[in-house]
C-alpha atoms as a PDB file:
ATOM      1  CA  MET A   1      42.417 281.988  57.302  1.00  0.00           C
ATOM      2  CA  SER A   2      40.415 285.120  57.988  1.00  0.00           C
ATOM      3  CA  ALA A   3      39.390 286.765  61.224  1.00  0.00           C
ATOM      4  CA  GLU A   4      36.915 289.483  62.086  1.00  0.00           C
ATOM      5  CA  THR A   5      36.307 291.350  65.310  1.00  0.00           C
ATOM      6  CA  SER A   6      34.466 294.546  66.063  1.00  0.00           C
ATOM      7  CA  GLY A   7      33.773 296.814  68.964  1.00  0.00           C
ATOM      8  CA  GLY A   8      32.655 300.290  69.924  1.00  0.00           C
ATOM      9  CA  ARG A   9      29.800 302.133  68.287  1.00  0.00           C
ATOM     10  CA  ARG A  10      28.269 300.616  65.190  1.00  0.00           C
ATOM     11  CA  ARG A  11      26.881 302.566  62.282  1.00  0.00           C
ATOM     12  CA  GLY A  12      24.903 300.247  60.104  1.00  0.00           C
ATOM     13  CA  SER A  13      26.696 297.344  58.475  1.00  0.00           C
ATOM     14  CA  HIS A  14      29.554 299.406  57.084  1.00  0.00           C
ATOM     15  CA  ARG A  15      32.624 300.928  58.605  1.00  0.00           C
ATOM     16  CA  ARG A  16      35.056 303.477  57.304  1.00  0.00           C
ATOM     17  CA  VAL A  17      38.212 302.218  55.645  1.00  0.00           C
ATOM     18  CA  THR A  18      41.248 304.464  55.358  1.00  0.00           C
ATOM     19  CA  GLY A  19      42.890 305.057  51.985  1.00  0.00           C
ATOM     20  CA  GLY A  20      45.151 302.809  49.955  1.00  0.00           C
ATOM     21  CA  THR A  21      46.776 302.485  46.563  1.00  0.00           C
ATOM     22  CA  ALA A  22      45.147 303.132  43.248  1.00  0.00           C
ATOM     23  CA  PRO A  23      43.532 299.922  41.966  1.00  0.00           C
ATOM     24  CA  ASP A  24      45.046 299.808  38.480  1.00  0.00           C
ATOM     25  CA  GLN A  25      48.354 298.084  39.192  1.00  0.00           C
ATOM     26  CA  GLU A  26      49.627 298.380  35.624  1.00  0.00           C
ATOM     27  CA  ARG A  27      49.119 302.135  35.710  1.00  0.00           C
ATOM     28  CA  ALA A  28      49.816 302.983  39.337  1.00  0.00           C
ATOM     29  CA  LEU A  29      52.574 300.507  40.118  1.00  0.00           C
ATOM     30  CA  GLY A  30      54.108 300.264  36.667  1.00  0.00           C
ATOM     31  CA  GLY A  31      55.498 303.789  36.655  1.00  0.00           C
ATOM     32  CA  SER A  32      58.675 304.857  38.362  1.00  0.00           C
ATOM     33  CA  VAL A  33      58.422 308.580  39.040  1.00  0.00           C
ATOM     34  CA  TRP A  34      55.540 310.953  39.568  1.00  0.00           C
ATOM     35  CA  GLY A  35      55.645 314.642  40.350  1.00  0.00           C
ATOM     36  CA  GLU A  36      54.005 318.054  40.049  1.00  0.00           C
ATOM     37  CA  ALA A  37      50.733 316.326  40.863  1.00  0.00           C
ATOM     38  CA  THR A  38      47.863 318.358  42.237  1.00  0.00           C
ATOM     39  CA  PRO A  39      48.478 318.902  45.967  1.00  0.00           C
ATOM     40  CA  PRO A  40      44.872 319.604  47.120  1.00  0.00           C
ATOM     41  CA  LEU A  41      45.790 319.035  50.753  1.00  0.00           C
ATOM     42  CA  GLY A  42      48.577 321.528  50.434  1.00  0.00           C
ATOM     43  CA  SER A  43      52.163 321.932  49.379  1.00  0.00           C
ATOM     44  CA  ASP A  44      55.068 322.510  51.706  1.00  0.00           C
ATOM     45  CA  GLY A  45      53.371 320.698  54.574  1.00  0.00           C
ATOM     46  CA  MET A  46      50.020 322.539  54.715  1.00  0.00           C
ATOM     47  CA  THR A  47      48.219 322.198  58.025  1.00  0.00           C
ATOM     48  CA  ALA A  48      44.806 320.560  58.409  1.00  0.00           C
ATOM     49  CA  GLU A  49      43.208 323.991  58.919  1.00  0.00           C
ATOM     50  CA  GLN A  50      44.816 325.344  55.742  1.00  0.00           C
ATOM     51  CA  ALA A  51      43.761 322.231  53.866  1.00  0.00           C
ATOM     52  CA  ARG A  52      40.174 322.739  54.925  1.00  0.00           C
ATOM     53  CA  GLU A  53      40.315 326.368  53.772  1.00  0.00           C
ATOM     54  CA  SER A  54      41.548 325.181  50.376  1.00  0.00           C
ATOM     55  CA  GLY A  55      38.238 323.417  49.831  1.00  0.00           C
ATOM     56  CA  HIS A  56      39.059 319.842  50.846  1.00  0.00           C
ATOM     57  CA  GLU A  57      37.001 318.530  53.731  1.00  0.00           C
ATOM     58  CA  VAL A  58      39.145 317.940  56.801  1.00  0.00           C
ATOM     59  CA  LYS A  59      37.638 317.392  60.230  1.00  0.00           C
ATOM     60  CA  VAL A  60      39.568 319.261  62.898  1.00  0.00           C
ATOM     61  CA  ALA A  61      38.945 317.624  66.259  1.00  0.00           C
ATOM     62  CA  SER A  62      40.750 317.084  69.547  1.00  0.00           C
ATOM     63  CA  LYS A  63      43.126 314.828  67.655  1.00  0.00           C
ATOM     64  CA  PRO A  64      43.981 314.950  63.938  1.00  0.00           C
ATOM     65  CA  VAL A  65      42.203 312.612  61.557  1.00  0.00           C
ATOM     66  CA  ALA A  66      44.372 313.440  58.560  1.00  0.00           C
ATOM     67  CA  THR A  67      48.140 313.127  58.319  1.00  0.00           C
ATOM     68  CA  ILE A  68      49.617 315.621  55.889  1.00  0.00           C
ATOM     69  CA  ALA A  69      53.268 315.201  54.915  1.00  0.00           C
ATOM     70  CA  ALA A  70      55.409 317.919  53.362  1.00  0.00           C
ATOM     71  CA  MET A  71      54.953 318.215  49.597  1.00  0.00           C
ATOM     72  CA  PRO A  72      57.166 321.000  48.224  1.00  0.00           C
ATOM     73  CA  THR A  73      55.778 322.507  45.038  1.00  0.00           C
ATOM     74  CA  GLY A  74      57.423 321.050  41.955  1.00  0.00           C
ATOM     75  CA  SER A  75      59.039 318.165  43.807  1.00  0.00           C
ATOM     76  CA  THR A  76      59.288 314.657  42.384  1.00  0.00           C
ATOM     77  CA  MET A  77      59.923 311.279  43.941  1.00  0.00           C
ATOM     78  CA  SER A  78      59.656 307.622  43.044  1.00  0.00           C
ATOM     79  CA  LEU A  79      56.207 306.070  43.125  1.00  0.00           C
ATOM     80  CA  HIS A  80      57.518 303.574  45.673  1.00  0.00           C
ATOM     81  CA  ASP A  81      58.450 306.441  48.022  1.00  0.00           C
ATOM     82  CA  ALA A  82      55.041 308.045  47.577  1.00  0.00           C
ATOM     83  CA  LEU A  83      53.360 304.735  48.411  1.00  0.00           C
ATOM     84  CA  GLU A  84      55.518 304.520  51.547  1.00  0.00           C
ATOM     85  CA  LEU A  85      54.234 307.891  52.698  1.00  0.00           C
ATOM     86  CA  MET A  86      50.672 306.731  52.059  1.00  0.00           C
ATOM     87  CA  LEU A  87      50.876 303.316  53.657  1.00  0.00           C
ATOM     88  CA  VAL A  88      53.481 303.677  56.413  1.00  0.00           C
ATOM     89  CA  VAL A  89      52.639 307.057  57.937  1.00  0.00           C
ATOM     90  CA  SER A  90      49.161 307.482  56.360  1.00  0.00           C
ATOM     91  CA  ALA A  91      49.897 310.737  54.513  1.00  0.00           C
ATOM     92  CA  SER A  92      46.502 311.609  53.040  1.00  0.00           C
ATOM     93  CA  ASN A  93      47.785 314.297  50.681  1.00  0.00           C
ATOM     94  CA  TYR A  94      50.070 311.764  48.994  1.00  0.00           C
ATOM     95  CA  ALA A  95      47.142 309.391  48.492  1.00  0.00           C
ATOM     96  CA  ASP A  96      45.305 312.242  46.796  1.00  0.00           C
ATOM     97  CA  ALA A  97      48.266 313.297  44.668  1.00  0.00           C
ATOM     98  CA  VAL A  98      49.201 309.788  43.528  1.00  0.00           C
ATOM     99  CA  SER A  99      45.624 308.867  42.641  1.00  0.00           C
ATOM    100  CA  THR A 100      45.286 312.047  40.588  1.00  0.00           C
ATOM    101  CA  TRP A 101      48.607 311.327  38.887  1.00  0.00           C
ATOM    102  CA  ALA A 102      47.538 307.780  38.085  1.00  0.00           C
ATOM    103  CA  PHE A 103      44.008 308.489  36.872  1.00  0.00           C
ATOM    104  CA  GLY A 104      43.926 312.183  35.988  1.00  0.00           C
ATOM    105  CA  SER A 105      41.342 313.359  38.522  1.00  0.00           C
ATOM    106  CA  ARG A 106      39.556 312.337  41.692  1.00  0.00           C
ATOM    107  CA  SER A 107      36.403 311.513  39.766  1.00  0.00           C
ATOM    108  CA  ALA A 108      38.353 309.295  37.360  1.00  0.00           C
ATOM    109  CA  PHE A 109      39.971 307.565  40.333  1.00  0.00           C
ATOM    110  CA  VAL A 110      36.567 306.887  41.872  1.00  0.00           C
ATOM    111  CA  ARG A 111      35.234 305.481  38.588  1.00  0.00           C
ATOM    112  CA  ALA A 112      38.264 303.218  38.210  1.00  0.00           C
ATOM    113  CA  THR A 113      37.978 302.118  41.818  1.00  0.00           C
ATOM    114  CA  ASP A 114      34.280 301.292  41.413  1.00  0.00           C
ATOM    115  CA  ALA A 115      35.074 299.181  38.365  1.00  0.00           C
ATOM    116  CA  TRP A 116      37.925 297.379  40.161  1.00  0.00           C
ATOM    117  CA  LEU A 117      35.792 296.667  43.217  1.00  0.00           C
ATOM    118  CA  ASP A 118      33.064 295.304  40.957  1.00  0.00           C
ATOM    119  CA  ARG A 119      35.495 293.038  39.084  1.00  0.00           C
ATOM    120  CA  ASN A 120      36.737 291.634  42.379  1.00  0.00           C
ATOM    121  CA  GLY A 121      33.297 291.121  43.912  1.00  0.00           C
ATOM    122  CA  LEU A 122      33.836 293.713  46.650  1.00  0.00           C
ATOM    123  CA  GLY A 123      30.363 295.238  46.709  1.00  0.00           C
ATOM    124  CA  GLY A 124      30.647 295.923  50.430  1.00  0.00           C
ATOM    125  CA  ILE A 125      33.244 298.668  49.874  1.00  0.00           C
ATOM    126  CA  THR A 126      32.365 302.233  48.902  1.00  0.00           C
ATOM    127  CA  VAL A 127      35.079 304.756  47.998  1.00  0.00           C
ATOM    128  CA  VAL A 128      34.081 308.359  47.266  1.00  0.00           C
ATOM    129  CA  GLU A 129      37.563 309.944  47.393  1.00  0.00           C
ATOM    130  CA  PRO A 130      41.151 308.713  47.782  1.00  0.00           C
ATOM    131  CA  THR A 131      42.353 310.151  51.102  1.00  0.00           C
ATOM    132  CA  GLY A 132      40.210 308.123  53.488  1.00  0.00           C
ATOM    133  CA  ILE A 133      39.095 311.136  55.543  1.00  0.00           C
ATOM    134  CA  ASP A 134      35.554 311.237  54.159  1.00  0.00           C
ATOM    135  CA  PRO A 135      33.155 309.202  56.357  1.00  0.00           C
ATOM    136  CA  ARG A 136      31.260 308.160  53.221  1.00  0.00           C
ATOM    137  CA  ASN A 137      34.173 305.816  52.475  1.00  0.00           C
ATOM    138  CA  THR A 138      32.821 302.635  54.015  1.00  0.00           C
ATOM    139  CA  ALA A 139      33.506 298.915  54.009  1.00  0.00           C
ATOM    140  CA  THR A 140      32.265 295.704  55.530  1.00  0.00           C
ATOM    141  CA  ALA A 141      34.767 293.699  57.554  1.00  0.00           C
ATOM    142  CA  ALA A 142      34.357 290.699  55.246  1.00  0.00           C
ATOM    143  CA  ASP A 143      35.278 292.681  52.133  1.00  0.00           C
ATOM    144  CA  LEU A 144      38.150 294.375  53.939  1.00  0.00           C
ATOM    145  CA  ILE A 145      39.581 290.948  54.690  1.00  0.00           C
ATOM    146  CA  THR A 146      39.311 289.991  51.023  1.00  0.00           C
ATOM    147  CA  LEU A 147      40.946 293.290  50.057  1.00  0.00           C
ATOM    148  CA  GLY A 148      43.723 292.697  52.571  1.00  0.00           C
ATOM    149  CA  ALA A 149      44.498 289.291  51.128  1.00  0.00           C
ATOM    150  CA  LEU A 150      44.657 290.802  47.638  1.00  0.00           C
ATOM    151  CA  ALA A 151      46.962 293.555  48.877  1.00  0.00           C
ATOM    152  CA  MET A 152      49.354 291.104  50.510  1.00  0.00           C
ATOM    153  CA  GLY A 153      49.459 289.183  47.235  1.00  0.00           C
ATOM    154  CA  ASN A 154      51.183 292.206  45.669  1.00  0.00           C
ATOM    155  CA  GLU A 155      54.890 291.989  46.457  1.00  0.00           C
ATOM    156  CA  THR A 156      55.420 295.759  46.462  1.00  0.00           C
ATOM    157  CA  ILE A 157      52.501 296.518  48.748  1.00  0.00           C
ATOM    158  CA  ALA A 158      53.345 293.646  51.109  1.00  0.00           C
ATOM    159  CA  GLN A 159      56.905 294.934  51.426  1.00  0.00           C
ATOM    160  CA  ILE A 160      55.834 298.513  52.121  1.00  0.00           C
ATOM    161  CA  VAL A 161      53.170 297.779  54.741  1.00  0.00           C
ATOM    162  CA  GLY A 162      55.698 295.653  56.624  1.00  0.00           C
ATOM    163  CA  MET A 163      58.167 298.549  57.012  1.00  0.00           C
ATOM    164  CA  SER A 164      58.554 299.753  60.593  1.00  0.00           C
ATOM    165  CA  THR A 165      59.856 303.171  59.513  1.00  0.00           C
ATOM    166  CA  LEU A 166      60.008 305.286  56.391  1.00  0.00           C
ATOM    167  CA  ALA A 167      62.968 304.902  54.056  1.00  0.00           C
ATOM    168  CA  VAL A 168      62.137 307.989  51.997  1.00  0.00           C
ATOM    169  CA  PRO A 169      64.969 310.535  51.668  1.00  0.00           C
ATOM    170  CA  GLY A 170      64.135 313.715  53.580  1.00  0.00           C
ATOM    171  CA  PHE A 171      61.290 312.165  55.568  1.00  0.00           C
ATOM    172  CA  THR A 172      61.084 310.427  58.925  1.00  0.00           C
ATOM    173  CA  GLY A 173      58.248 308.551  60.575  1.00  0.00           C
ATOM    174  CA  SER A 174      57.183 305.258  62.072  1.00  0.00           C
ATOM    175  CA  ASN A 175      54.510 302.890  60.860  1.00  0.00           C
ATOM    176  CA  THR A 176      51.131 303.672  62.397  1.00  0.00           C
ATOM    177  CA  ASN A 177      50.630 299.922  62.826  1.00  0.00           C
ATOM    178  CA  THR A 178      52.348 299.372  66.175  1.00  0.00           C
ATOM    179  CA  LEU A 179      51.635 295.621  66.089  1.00  0.00           C
ATOM    180  CA  LEU A 180      54.223 295.016  63.374  1.00  0.00           C
ATOM    181  CA  GLY A 181      56.504 292.145  64.363  1.00  0.00           C
ATOM    182  CA  THR A 182      54.226 290.998  67.192  1.00  0.00           C
ATOM    183  CA  ASP A 183      52.575 287.584  66.827  1.00  0.00           C
ATOM    184  CA  GLY A 184      53.683 287.456  63.204  1.00  0.00           C
ATOM    185  CA  VAL A 185      51.865 290.673  62.219  1.00  0.00           C
ATOM    186  CA  ARG A 186      53.318 292.027  58.952  1.00  0.00           C
ATOM    187  CA  GLY A 187      50.808 294.734  57.955  1.00  0.00           C
ATOM    188  CA  ILE A 188      48.437 296.025  56.655  1.00  0.00           C
ATOM    189  CA  LYS A 189      46.763 299.361  57.486  1.00  0.00           C
ATOM    190  CA  THR A 190      45.404 301.341  60.383  1.00  0.00           C
ATOM    191  CA  GLY A 191      42.387 303.624  60.176  1.00  0.00           C
ATOM    192  CA  THR A 192      41.171 306.320  62.533  1.00  0.00           C
ATOM    193  CA  LEU A 193      38.150 308.551  62.000  1.00  0.00           C
ATOM    194  CA  GLU A 194      35.376 307.389  64.294  1.00  0.00           C
ATOM    195  CA  GLY A 195      37.018 304.851  66.558  1.00  0.00           C
ATOM    196  CA  SER A 196      40.133 302.872  65.772  1.00  0.00           C
ATOM    197  CA  ASN A 197      40.343 300.280  62.992  1.00  0.00           C
ATOM    198  CA  LEU A 198      42.952 297.838  61.783  1.00  0.00           C
ATOM    199  CA  LEU A 199      43.221 295.612  58.733  1.00  0.00           C
ATOM    200  CA  TYR A 200      46.039 293.205  59.473  1.00  0.00           C
ATOM    201  CA  SER A 201      47.947 290.226  58.150  1.00  0.00           C
ATOM    202  CA  SER A 202      49.811 287.755  60.333  1.00  0.00           C
ATOM    203  CA  LEU A 203      52.127 284.884  59.486  1.00  0.00           C
ATOM    204  CA  LEU A 204      51.384 283.103  62.756  1.00  0.00           C
ATOM    205  CA  ASP A 205      53.674 280.430  64.146  1.00  0.00           C
ATOM    206  CA  VAL A 206      51.453 277.926  65.961  1.00  0.00           C
ATOM    207  CA  GLY A 207      54.304 275.590  66.883  1.00  0.00           C
ATOM    208  CA  ILE A 208      53.264 272.865  64.462  1.00  0.00           C
ATOM    209  CA  GLY A 209      54.067 272.766  60.765  1.00  0.00           C
ATOM    210  CA  GLU A 210      54.223 275.889  58.626  1.00  0.00           C
ATOM    211  CA  PRO A 211      53.008 279.257  59.953  1.00  0.00           C
ATOM    212  CA  LEU A 212      49.381 280.143  59.250  1.00  0.00           C
ATOM    213  CA  THR A 213      48.522 283.089  57.014  1.00  0.00           C
ATOM    214  CA  ILE A 214      45.785 285.070  58.754  1.00  0.00           C
ATOM    215  CA  THR A 215      44.037 288.176  57.482  1.00  0.00           C
ATOM    216  CA  GLY A 216      41.750 290.007  59.877  1.00  0.00           C
ATOM    217  CA  ALA A 217      39.917 293.253  60.499  1.00  0.00           C
ATOM    218  CA  VAL A 218      39.054 295.013  63.733  1.00  0.00           C
ATOM    219  CA  LEU A 219      36.556 297.843  63.271  1.00  0.00           C
ATOM    220  CA  GLY A 220      35.241 300.482  65.631  1.00  0.00           C
ATOM    221  CA  GLY A 221      37.653 299.870  68.486  1.00  0.00           C
ATOM    222  CA  GLN A 222      37.806 302.315  71.368  1.00  0.00           C
ATOM    223  CA  ASP A 223      41.417 303.223  70.702  1.00  0.00           C
ATOM    224  CA  ARG A 224      44.627 301.803  69.253  1.00  0.00           C
ATOM    225  CA  ASP A 225      45.626 300.005  72.462  1.00  0.00           C
ATOM    226  CA  ASN A 226      42.268 298.231  72.664  1.00  0.00           C
ATOM    227  CA  VAL A 227      42.458 297.214  69.024  1.00  0.00           C
ATOM    228  CA  ASN A 228      45.953 295.816  69.490  1.00  0.00           C
ATOM    229  CA  SER A 229      44.818 293.917  72.568  1.00  0.00           C
ATOM    230  CA  ASP A 230      41.883 292.399  70.674  1.00  0.00           C
ATOM    231  CA  VAL A 231      44.118 291.298  67.813  1.00  0.00           C
ATOM    232  CA  ARG A 232      46.683 289.728  70.136  1.00  0.00           C
ATOM    233  CA  ALA A 233      43.952 287.908  72.055  1.00  0.00           C
ATOM    234  CA  LEU A 234      42.489 286.521  68.839  1.00  0.00           C
ATOM    235  CA  LEU A 235      45.849 285.400  67.474  1.00  0.00           C
ATOM    236  CA  GLY A 236      46.690 283.862  70.845  1.00  0.00           C
ATOM    237  CA  SER A 237      43.448 281.895  70.828  1.00  0.00           C
ATOM    238  CA  ILE A 238      44.225 280.593  67.345  1.00  0.00           C
ATOM    239  CA  ARG A 239      47.703 279.522  68.426  1.00  0.00           C
ATOM    240  CA  ALA A 240      46.310 277.816  71.538  1.00  0.00           C
ATOM    241  CA  GLY A 241      43.989 275.705  69.401  1.00  0.00           C
ATOM    242  CA  PHE A 242      46.870 273.823  67.812  1.00  0.00           C
ATOM    243  CA  HIS A 243      48.549 270.943  69.621  1.00  0.00           C
ATOM    244  CA  GLU A 244      50.008 267.576  68.731  1.00  0.00           C
ATOM    245  CA  VAL A 245      47.821 264.510  69.219  1.00  0.00           C
ATOM    246  CA  PRO A 246      49.662 261.149  69.272  1.00  0.00           C
ATOM    247  CA  LEU A 247      47.890 258.661  67.037  1.00  0.00           C
ATOM    248  CA  ALA A 248      49.538 255.526  68.348  1.00  0.00           C
ATOM    249  CA  ARG A 249      52.298 254.224  70.603  1.00  0.00           C
ATOM    250  CA  ARG A 250      54.695 251.416  69.813  1.00  0.00           C
ATOM    251  CA  GLY A 251      53.199 248.060  70.804  1.00  0.00           C
ATOM    252  CA  GLU A 252      49.712 249.414  71.498  1.00  0.00           C
ATOM    253  CA  VAL A 253      46.882 246.985  70.594  1.00  0.00           C
ATOM    254  CA  TYR A 254      43.848 248.569  68.904  1.00  0.00           C
ATOM    255  CA  GLY A 255      41.885 245.449  68.008  1.00  0.00           C
ATOM    256  CA  SER A 256      41.972 241.871  66.846  1.00  0.00           C
ATOM    257  CA  TYR A 257      40.291 239.692  64.298  1.00  0.00           C
ATOM    258  CA  THR A 258      39.749 235.945  63.973  1.00  0.00           C
END
C-alpha cells in the first residue's frame, strides 16, 4: 500500500529528495571497506562554511541544511558504517565520499544513477549530485514511494534505516527520523532543504490479520513536527478503516426455497 501527502509551498510537480545509497548494489554494497575517498565536504569535520569555501555548494541559513560528520584524512571504515552515517544522521560528506569510491567520480555516479532510474522506470526523479543539498535534485512523490519500496526490499538498507542510533565506533547520533517505532514506522529517510520531507515505511498493525506494509511520502511540510503529525493522522485513518464484519450468526435464516 502506498500513501502520499503534501503541504507547504509547491514548486512545480517535483520536490527535492535528500541523498541515498549508490544505485549499483553489486558495486556499492558488495564491498566491505572503503577509505581515502575524496572528502569534498571536508576532512576532520569541516564546517559548512569551510565546505562552501572548498568549492562545494552549501547553503548557510538560519539552520543547517547539510550535516557534515568528521572524516579524518586517511581513515577507513566498513561500507556498512559509512552507509549508517549517510542514512541515520544524514552525513552529506559521507554520501559524497562513498559515491565517489563506488563510481570513481561525481559525474560517473550521476551517469550510473540516471541509468538505474531509467531501468526502474523512475523518470520523475532527477539526481545531479550525491549529497542531496542541491535543489536541482528533485522527485515526484509517486516515484519516491516506488524508490522507498525498492529500498526496503534491500535487507541491508532496511536494517540501517530502522536504527534509532548510530552503531559506528567513534561516532554518536540519533536517527533524524523521529517517527521510528511509532505506528509501525521503520524508516526510511528525512529531507530538509525547503520545507520538511519524509519518505517512510510502516508495518502497520490494524488489529486484523497480518500488519500492512505501507510506503508513503510527505513533501513540503512546514516543519518536522507537522510532517510527523500528518503521517500519524494518515496511518491512524488507515487503521480506523479496518474492522471485523460478522457474516452470519448461528441459526440465522437468510432465505428459503420450495
